[in-house]
Amino acid sequence: MASSGRPTSSLASERARARRARSSRRVLHWSGGLLVLAFVFFVGLAVGMALEGNGKTGDQTLVRTLLPTTLSPRETVTVTVSKP
């Protein structure tokens, strides 16, 4: 059945070896891709945090609460006008 004169079991073992090699390359390929993707994600995260932390320029808002007891009441003045 084999045209090269090798026994069939030898061809089957070569095919199995080639299949394992393709499978291991596929796993390495996907693992490497995931590692690159994770690296790019964390580099982007670090750059974003660095940009957010250094951009503290702009207006500053202060909030103060005035208590009613801190204001002194106005003096009451009564004006009487007589008719001439």
PDB file of N, CA and C in Angstrom:
ATOM      1  N   MET A   1       0.798  -1.172   0.000  1.00  0.00           N
ATOM      2  CA  MET A   1       0.000   0.000   0.000  1.00  0.00           C
ATOM      3  C   MET A   1       0.861   1.264   0.000  1.00  0.00           C
ATOM      4  N   ALA A   2       1.940   1.265   0.720  1.00  0.00           N
ATOM      5  CA  ALA A   2       2.823   2.425   0.709  1.00  0.00           C
ATOM      6  C   ALA A   2       3.706   2.330  -0.522  1.00  0.00           C
ATOM      7  N   SER A   3       3.769   3.416  -1.272  1.00  0.00           N
ATOM      8  CA  SER A   3       4.508   3.380  -2.522  1.00  0.00           C
ATOM      9  C   SER A   3       6.009   3.525  -2.313  1.00  0.00           C
ATOM     10  N   SER A   4       6.471   4.018  -1.182  1.00  0.00           N
ATOM     11  CA  SER A   4       7.899   4.212  -0.972  1.00  0.00           C
ATOM     12  C   SER A   4       8.576   2.945  -0.466  1.00  0.00           C
ATOM     13  N   GLY A   5       7.841   1.903  -0.215  1.00  0.00           N
ATOM     14  CA  GLY A   5       8.431   0.660   0.231  1.00  0.00           C
ATOM     15  C   GLY A   5       8.572   0.586   1.742  1.00  0.00           C
ATOM     16  N   ARG A   6       8.135   1.595   2.453  1.00  0.00           N
ATOM     17  CA  ARG A   6       8.188   1.560   3.912  1.00  0.00           C
ATOM     18  C   ARG A   6       6.960   0.844   4.444  1.00  0.00           C
ATOM     19  N   PRO A   7       7.085   0.286   5.599  1.00  0.00           N
ATOM     20  CA  PRO A   7       5.898  -0.326   6.207  1.00  0.00           C
ATOM     21  C   PRO A   7       4.894   0.742   6.599  1.00  0.00           C
ATOM     22  N   THR A   8       3.634   0.362   6.690  1.00  0.00           N
ATOM     23  CA  THR A   8       2.548   1.293   6.989  1.00  0.00           C
ATOM     24  C   THR A   8       2.694   1.883   8.384  1.00  0.00           C
ATOM     25  N   SER A   9       3.188   1.105   9.335  1.00  0.00           N
ATOM     26  CA  SER A   9       3.321   1.617  10.697  1.00  0.00           C
ATOM     27  C   SER A   9       4.348   2.746  10.761  1.00  0.00           C
ATOM     28  N   SER A  10       5.359   2.695   9.907  1.00  0.00           N
ATOM     29  CA  SER A  10       6.355   3.756   9.874  1.00  0.00           C
ATOM     30  C   SER A  10       5.731   5.060   9.370  1.00  0.00           C
ATOM     31  N   LEU A  11       4.884   4.981   8.348  1.00  0.00           N
ATOM     32  CA  LEU A  11       4.205   6.160   7.823  1.00  0.00           C
ATOM     33  C   LEU A  11       3.246   6.733   8.867  1.00  0.00           C
ATOM     34  N   ALA A  12       2.561   5.873   9.572  1.00  0.00           N
ATOM     35  CA  ALA A  12       1.627   6.330  10.600  1.00  0.00           C
ATOM     36  C   ALA A  12       2.367   7.037  11.733  1.00  0.00           C
ATOM     37  N   SER A  13       3.521   6.518  12.117  1.00  0.00           N
ATOM     38  CA  SER A  13       4.272   7.162  13.199  1.00  0.00           C
ATOM     39  C   SER A  13       4.838   8.507  12.740  1.00  0.00           C
ATOM     40  N   GLU A  14       5.230   8.604  11.464  1.00  0.00           N
ATOM     41  CA  GLU A  14       5.713   9.890  10.951  1.00  0.00           C
ATOM     42  C   GLU A  14       4.586  10.917  10.915  1.00  0.00           C
ATOM     43  N   ARG A  15       3.396  10.490  10.513  1.00  0.00           N
ATOM     44  CA  ARG A  15       2.242  11.392  10.489  1.00  0.00           C
ATOM     45  C   ARG A  15       1.889  11.855  11.902  1.00  0.00           C
ATOM     46  N   ALA A  16       1.931  10.932  12.841  1.00  0.00           N
ATOM     47  CA  ALA A  16       1.622  11.296  14.235  1.00  0.00           C
ATOM     48  C   ALA A  16       2.652  12.278  14.770  1.00  0.00           C
ATOM     49  N   ARG A  17       3.915  12.064  14.448  1.00  0.00           N
ATOM     50  CA  ARG A  17       4.977  12.972  14.884  1.00  0.00           C
ATOM     51  C   ARG A  17       4.767  14.357  14.267  1.00  0.00           C
ATOM     52  N   ALA A  18       4.414  14.414  12.996  1.00  0.00           N
ATOM     53  CA  ALA A  18       4.166  15.694  12.325  1.00  0.00           C
ATOM     54  C   ALA A  18       2.953  16.394  12.931  1.00  0.00           C
ATOM     55  N   ARG A  19       1.913  15.628  13.272  1.00  0.00           N
ATOM     56  CA  ARG A  19       0.714  16.191  13.884  1.00  0.00           C
ATOM     57  C   ARG A  19       1.040  16.800  15.248  1.00  0.00           C
ATOM     58  N   ARG A  20       1.865  16.094  16.026  1.00  0.00           N
ATOM     59  CA  ARG A  20       2.262  16.619  17.346  1.00  0.00           C
ATOM     60  C   ARG A  20       3.082  17.893  17.192  1.00  0.00           C
ATOM     61  N   ALA A  21       3.935  17.929  16.192  1.00  0.00           N
ATOM     62  CA  ALA A  21       4.757  19.117  15.966  1.00  0.00           C
ATOM     63  C   ALA A  21       3.876  20.308  15.586  1.00  0.00           C
ATOM     64  N   ARG A  22       2.877  20.084  14.714  1.00  0.00           N
ATOM     65  CA  ARG A  22       1.955  21.164  14.333  1.00  0.00           C
ATOM     66  C   ARG A  22       1.149  21.628  15.542  1.00  0.00           C
ATOM     67  N   SER A  23       0.729  20.676  16.358  1.00  0.00           N
ATOM     68  CA  SER A  23      -0.060  21.013  17.536  1.00  0.00           C
ATOM     69  C   SER A  23       0.750  21.841  18.528  1.00  0.00           C
ATOM     70  N   SER A  24       1.999  21.456  18.738  1.00  0.00           N
ATOM     71  CA  SER A  24       2.825  22.209  19.681  1.00  0.00           C
ATOM     72  C   SER A  24       3.148  23.600  19.133  1.00  0.00           C
ATOM     73  N   ARG A  25       3.343  23.708  17.817  1.00  0.00           N
ATOM     74  CA  ARG A  25       3.577  25.026  17.223  1.00  0.00           C
ATOM     75  C   ARG A  25       2.343  25.903  17.368  1.00  0.00           C
ATOM     76  N   ARG A  26       1.166  25.307  17.208  1.00  0.00           N
ATOM     77  CA  ARG A  26      -0.081  26.059  17.336  1.00  0.00           C
ATOM     78  C   ARG A  26      -0.245  26.577  18.767  1.00  0.00           C
ATOM     79  N   VAL A  27       0.071  25.744  19.752  1.00  0.00           N
ATOM     80  CA  VAL A  27      -0.026  26.156  21.155  1.00  0.00           C
ATOM     81  C   VAL A  27       0.982  27.266  21.443  1.00  0.00           C
ATOM     82  N   LEU A  28       2.200  27.124  20.932  1.00  0.00           N
ATOM     83  CA  LEU A  28       3.202  28.169  21.122  1.00  0.00           C
ATOM     84  C   LEU A  28       2.790  29.472  20.444  1.00  0.00           C
ATOM     85  N   HIS A  29       2.190  29.365  19.282  1.00  0.00           N
ATOM     86  CA  HIS A  29       1.741  30.541  18.553  1.00  0.00           C
ATOM     87  C   HIS A  29       0.668  31.286  19.350  1.00  0.00           C
ATOM     88  N   TRP A  30      -0.336  30.589  19.833  1.00  0.00           N
ATOM     89  CA  TRP A  30      -1.409  31.219  20.601  1.00  0.00           C
ATOM     90  C   TRP A  30      -0.892  31.750  21.939  1.00  0.00           C
ATOM     91  N   SER A  31      -0.015  31.016  22.590  1.00  0.00           N
ATOM     92  CA  SER A  31       0.547  31.483  23.865  1.00  0.00           C
ATOM     93  C   SER A  31       1.359  32.759  23.655  1.00  0.00           C
ATOM     94  N   GLY A  32       2.164  32.776  22.619  1.00  0.00           N
ATOM     95  CA  GLY A  32       2.939  33.978  22.314  1.00  0.00           C
ATOM     96  C   GLY A  32       2.041  35.159  21.993  1.00  0.00           C
ATOM     97  N   GLY A  33       0.979  34.923  21.251  1.00  0.00           N
ATOM     98  CA  GLY A  33       0.030  35.992  20.934  1.00  0.00           C
ATOM     99  C   GLY A  33      -0.640  36.547  22.178  1.00  0.00           C
ATOM    100  N   LEU A  34      -1.014  35.664  23.083  1.00  0.00           N
ATOM    101  CA  LEU A  34      -1.641  36.115  24.336  1.00  0.00           C
ATOM    102  C   LEU A  34      -0.660  36.897  25.195  1.00  0.00           C
ATOM    103  N   LEU A  35       0.599  36.471  25.220  1.00  0.00           N
ATOM    104  CA  LEU A  35       1.604  37.211  25.979  1.00  0.00           C
ATOM    105  C   LEU A  35       1.829  38.603  25.405  1.00  0.00           C
ATOM    106  N   VAL A  36       1.885  38.710  24.088  1.00  0.00           N
ATOM    107  CA  VAL A  36       2.058  40.020  23.451  1.00  0.00           C
ATOM    108  C   VAL A  36       0.847  40.901  23.732  1.00  0.00           C
ATOM    109  N   LEU A  37      -0.345  40.340  23.657  1.00  0.00           N
ATOM    110  CA  LEU A  37      -1.562  41.096  23.925  1.00  0.00           C
ATOM    111  C   LEU A  37      -1.585  41.590  25.375  1.00  0.00           C
ATOM    112  N   ALA A  38      -1.216  40.748  26.326  1.00  0.00           N
ATOM    113  CA  ALA A  38      -1.174  41.155  27.734  1.00  0.00           C
ATOM    114  C   ALA A  38      -0.126  42.243  27.951  1.00  0.00           C
ATOM    115  N   PHE A  39       1.022  42.123  27.302  1.00  0.00           N
ATOM    116  CA  PHE A  39       2.080  43.130  27.430  1.00  0.00           C
ATOM    117  C   PHE A  39       1.601  44.479  26.913  1.00  0.00           C
ATOM    118  N   VAL A  40       0.973  44.498  25.748  1.00  0.00           N
ATOM    119  CA  VAL A  40       0.472  45.745  25.165  1.00  0.00           C
ATOM    120  C   VAL A  40      -0.592  46.362  26.062  1.00  0.00           C
ATOM    121  N   PHE A  41      -1.462  45.532  26.637  1.00  0.00           N
ATOM    122  CA  PHE A  41      -2.504  46.032  27.528  1.00  0.00           C
ATOM    123  C   PHE A  41      -1.892  46.707  28.755  1.00  0.00           C
ATOM    124  N   PHE A  42      -0.932  46.063  29.396  1.00  0.00           N
ATOM    125  CA  PHE A  42      -0.348  46.632  30.606  1.00  0.00           C
ATOM    126  C   PHE A  42       0.512  47.856  30.312  1.00  0.00           C
ATOM    127  N   VAL A  43       1.159  47.905  29.162  1.00  0.00           N
ATOM    128  CA  VAL A  43       1.905  49.106  28.789  1.00  0.00           C
ATOM    129  C   VAL A  43       0.928  50.264  28.578  1.00  0.00           C
ATOM    130  N   GLY A  44      -0.178  50.012  27.916  1.00  0.00           N
ATOM    131  CA  GLY A  44      -1.192  51.052  27.726  1.00  0.00           C
ATOM    132  C   GLY A  44      -1.783  51.521  29.042  1.00  0.00           C
ATOM    133  N   LEU A  45      -2.008  50.601  29.951  1.00  0.00           N
ATOM    134  CA  LEU A  45      -2.522  50.948  31.270  1.00  0.00           C
ATOM    135  C   LEU A  45      -1.528  51.828  32.017  1.00  0.00           C
ATOM    136  N   ALA A  46      -0.261  51.499  31.961  1.00  0.00           N
ATOM    137  CA  ALA A  46       0.768  52.288  32.648  1.00  0.00           C
ATOM    138  C   ALA A  46       0.885  53.676  32.038  1.00  0.00           C
ATOM    139  N   VAL A  47       0.835  53.780  30.720  1.00  0.00           N
ATOM    140  CA  VAL A  47       0.926  55.090  30.069  1.00  0.00           C
ATOM    141  C   VAL A  47      -0.290  55.937  30.424  1.00  0.00           C
ATOM    142  N   GLY A  48      -1.461  55.334  30.450  1.00  0.00           N
ATOM    143  CA  GLY A  48      -2.677  56.068  30.814  1.00  0.00           C
ATOM    144  C   GLY A  48      -2.622  56.592  32.234  1.00  0.00           C
ATOM    145  N   MET A  49      -2.138  55.786  33.157  1.00  0.00           N
ATOM    146  CA  MET A  49      -2.026  56.228  34.551  1.00  0.00           C
ATOM    147  C   MET A  49      -0.980  57.334  34.682  1.00  0.00           C
ATOM    148  N   ALA A  50       0.096  57.251  33.934  1.00  0.00           N
ATOM    149  CA  ALA A  50       1.130  58.280  33.990  1.00  0.00           C
ATOM    150  C   ALA A  50       0.601  59.609  33.447  1.00  0.00           C
ATOM    151  N   LEU A  51      -0.146  59.567  32.374  1.00  0.00           N
ATOM    152  CA  LEU A  51      -0.706  60.792  31.824  1.00  0.00           C
ATOM    153  C   LEU A  51      -1.741  61.400  32.753  1.00  0.00           C
ATOM    154  N   GLU A  52      -2.523  60.577  33.399  1.00  0.00           N
ATOM    155  CA  GLU A  52      -3.551  61.065  34.322  1.00  0.00           C
ATOM    156  C   GLU A  52      -2.921  61.708  35.554  1.00  0.00           C
ATOM    157  N   GLY A  53      -1.838  61.160  36.054  1.00  0.00           N
ATOM    158  CA  GLY A  53      -1.204  61.665  37.263  1.00  0.00           C
ATOM    159  C   GLY A  53      -0.449  62.959  37.053  1.00  0.00           C
ATOM    160  N   ASN A  54       0.076  63.211  35.870  1.00  0.00           N
ATOM    161  CA  ASN A  54       0.891  64.401  35.626  1.00  0.00           C
ATOM    162  C   ASN A  54       0.089  65.595  35.137  1.00  0.00           C
ATOM    163  N   GLY A  55      -1.134  65.442  34.771  1.00  0.00           N
ATOM    164  CA  GLY A  55      -1.914  66.537  34.211  1.00  0.00           C
ATOM    165  C   GLY A  55      -2.698  67.316  35.254  1.00  0.00           C
ATOM    166  N   LYS A  56      -2.071  67.699  36.358  1.00  0.00           N
ATOM    167  CA  LYS A  56      -2.772  68.395  37.436  1.00  0.00           C
ATOM    168  C   LYS A  56      -2.695  69.914  37.278  1.00  0.00           C
ATOM    169  N   THR A  57      -2.845  70.440  36.085  1.00  0.00           N
ATOM    170  CA  THR A  57      -2.855  71.879  35.875  1.00  0.00           C
ATOM    171  C   THR A  57      -4.290  72.320  35.649  1.00  0.00           C
ATOM    172  N   GLY A  58      -4.566  73.581  35.993  1.00  0.00           N
ATOM    173  CA  GLY A  58      -5.912  74.088  35.774  1.00  0.00           C
ATOM    174  C   GLY A  58      -6.400  74.868  36.979  1.00  0.00           C
ATOM    175  N   ASP A  59      -7.697  75.119  37.017  1.00  0.00           N
ATOM    176  CA  ASP A  59      -8.299  75.898  38.086  1.00  0.00           C
ATOM    177  C   ASP A  59      -8.419  75.082  39.355  1.00  0.00           C
ATOM    178  N   GLN A  60      -8.332  75.802  40.469  1.00  0.00           N
ATOM    179  CA  GLN A  60      -8.500  75.163  41.770  1.00  0.00           C
ATOM    180  C   GLN A  60      -9.776  75.709  42.388  1.00  0.00           C
ATOM    181  N   THR A  61     -10.633  74.846  42.852  1.00  0.00           N
ATOM    182  CA  THR A  61     -11.897  75.244  43.441  1.00  0.00           C
ATOM    183  C   THR A  61     -11.849  75.012  44.937  1.00  0.00           C
ATOM    184  N   LEU A  62     -12.165  76.063  45.691  1.00  0.00           N
ATOM    185  CA  LEU A  62     -12.234  75.963  47.143  1.00  0.00           C
ATOM    186  C   LEU A  62     -13.689  76.108  47.555  1.00  0.00           C
ATOM    187  N   VAL A  63     -14.134  75.272  48.466  1.00  0.00           N
ATOM    188  CA  VAL A  63     -15.503  75.328  48.956  1.00  0.00           C
ATOM    189  C   VAL A  63     -15.446  75.689  50.428  1.00  0.00           C
ATOM    190  N   ARG A  64     -16.130  76.802  50.804  1.00  0.00           N
ATOM    191  CA  ARG A  64     -16.199  77.215  52.192  1.00  0.00           C
ATOM    192  C   ARG A  64     -17.654  77.369  52.578  1.00  0.00           C
ATOM    193  N   THR A  65     -17.973  76.994  53.786  1.00  0.00           N
ATOM    194  CA  THR A  65     -19.329  77.130  54.289  1.00  0.00           C
ATOM    195  C   THR A  65     -19.353  78.255  55.317  1.00  0.00           C
ATOM    196  N   LEU A  66     -20.228  79.237  55.109  1.00  0.00           N
ATOM    197  CA  LEU A  66     -20.367  80.341  56.046  1.00  0.00           C
ATOM    198  C   LEU A  66     -21.458  79.995  57.047  1.00  0.00           C
ATOM    199  N   LEU A  67     -21.143  80.155  58.295  1.00  0.00           N
ATOM    200  CA  LEU A  67     -22.129  79.907  59.343  1.00  0.00           C
ATOM    201  C   LEU A  67     -22.884  81.203  59.639  1.00  0.00           C
ATOM    202  N   PRO A  68     -24.165  81.136  59.911  1.00  0.00           N
ATOM    203  CA  PRO A  68     -24.942  82.359  60.174  1.00  0.00           C
ATOM    204  C   PRO A  68     -24.456  83.123  61.406  1.00  0.00           C
ATOM    205  N   THR A  69     -23.858  82.473  62.367  1.00  0.00           N
ATOM    206  CA  THR A  69     -23.419  83.157  63.579  1.00  0.00           C
ATOM    207  C   THR A  69     -22.146  83.960  63.359  1.00  0.00           C
ATOM    208  N   THR A  70     -21.473  83.767  62.266  1.00  0.00           N
ATOM    209  CA  THR A  70     -20.232  84.504  62.035  1.00  0.00           C
ATOM    210  C   THR A  70     -20.494  85.899  61.502  1.00  0.00           C
ATOM    211  N   LEU A  71     -21.703  86.193  61.051  1.00  0.00           N
ATOM    212  CA  LEU A  71     -22.029  87.506  60.525  1.00  0.00           C
ATOM    213  C   LEU A  71     -22.649  88.355  61.639  1.00  0.00           C
ATOM    214  N   SER A  72     -22.175  89.566  61.807  1.00  0.00           N
ATOM    215  CA  SER A  72     -22.761  90.432  62.843  1.00  0.00           C
ATOM    216  C   SER A  72     -24.032  91.072  62.293  1.00  0.00           C
ATOM    217  N   PRO A  73     -25.061  91.200  63.144  1.00  0.00           N
ATOM    218  CA  PRO A  73     -26.321  91.790  62.657  1.00  0.00           C
ATOM    219  C   PRO A  73     -26.161  93.299  62.437  1.00  0.00           C
ATOM    220  N   ARG A  74     -26.934  93.826  61.538  1.00  0.00           N
ATOM    221  CA  ARG A  74     -26.888  95.244  61.229  1.00  0.00           C
ATOM    222  C   ARG A  74     -27.515  96.044  62.372  1.00  0.00           C
ATOM    223  N   GLU A  75     -27.062  97.235  62.504  1.00  0.00           N
ATOM    224  CA  GLU A  75     -27.641  98.125  63.513  1.00  0.00           C
ATOM    225  C   GLU A  75     -28.962  98.661  62.982  1.00  0.00           C
ATOM    226  N   THR A  76     -29.972  98.635  63.828  1.00  0.00           N
ATOM    227  CA  THR A  76     -31.282  99.124  63.434  1.00  0.00           C
ATOM    228  C   THR A  76     -31.368 100.610  63.738  1.00  0.00           C
ATOM    229  N   VAL A  77     -31.776 101.377  62.759  1.00  0.00           N
ATOM    230  CA  VAL A  77     -31.897 102.836  62.910  1.00  0.00           C
ATOM    231  C   VAL A  77     -33.333 103.225  62.576  1.00  0.00           C
ATOM    232  N   THR A  78     -33.948 104.003  63.466  1.00  0.00           N
ATOM    233  CA  THR A  78     -35.307 104.482  63.217  1.00  0.00           C
ATOM    234  C   THR A  78     -35.238 105.949  62.853  1.00  0.00           C
ATOM    235  N   VAL A  79     -35.860 106.303  61.749  1.00  0.00           N
ATOM    236  CA  VAL A  79     -35.868 107.691  61.276  1.00  0.00           C
ATOM    237  C   VAL A  79     -37.296 108.212  61.390  1.00  0.00           C
ATOM    238  N   THR A  80     -37.453 109.318  62.101  1.00  0.00           N
ATOM    239  CA  THR A  80     -38.780 109.934  62.255  1.00  0.00           C
ATOM    240  C   THR A  80     -38.773 111.259  61.493  1.00  0.00           C
ATOM    241  N   VAL A  81     -39.782 111.407  60.661  1.00  0.00           N
ATOM    242  CA  VAL A  81     -39.896 112.636  59.872  1.00  0.00           C
ATOM    243  C   VAL A  81     -41.109 113.392  60.355  1.00  0.00           C
ATOM    244  N   SER A  82     -40.923 114.637  60.680  1.00  0.00           N
ATOM    245  CA  SER A  82     -42.067 115.460  61.115  1.00  0.00           C
ATOM    246  C   SER A  82     -42.557 116.268  59.947  1.00  0.00           C
ATOM    247  N   LYS A  83     -43.854 116.557  59.996  1.00  0.00           N
ATOM    248  CA  LYS A  83     -44.434 117.330  58.899  1.00  0.00           C
ATOM    249  C   LYS A  83     -44.205 118.812  59.168  1.00  0.00           C
ATOM    250  N   PRO A  84     -43.850 119.587  58.230  1.00  0.00           N
ATOM    251  CA  PRO A  84     -43.619 121.016  58.461  1.00  0.00           C
ATOM    252  C   PRO A  84     -44.870 121.837  58.514  1.00  0.00           C
TER     253      PRO A  84
END
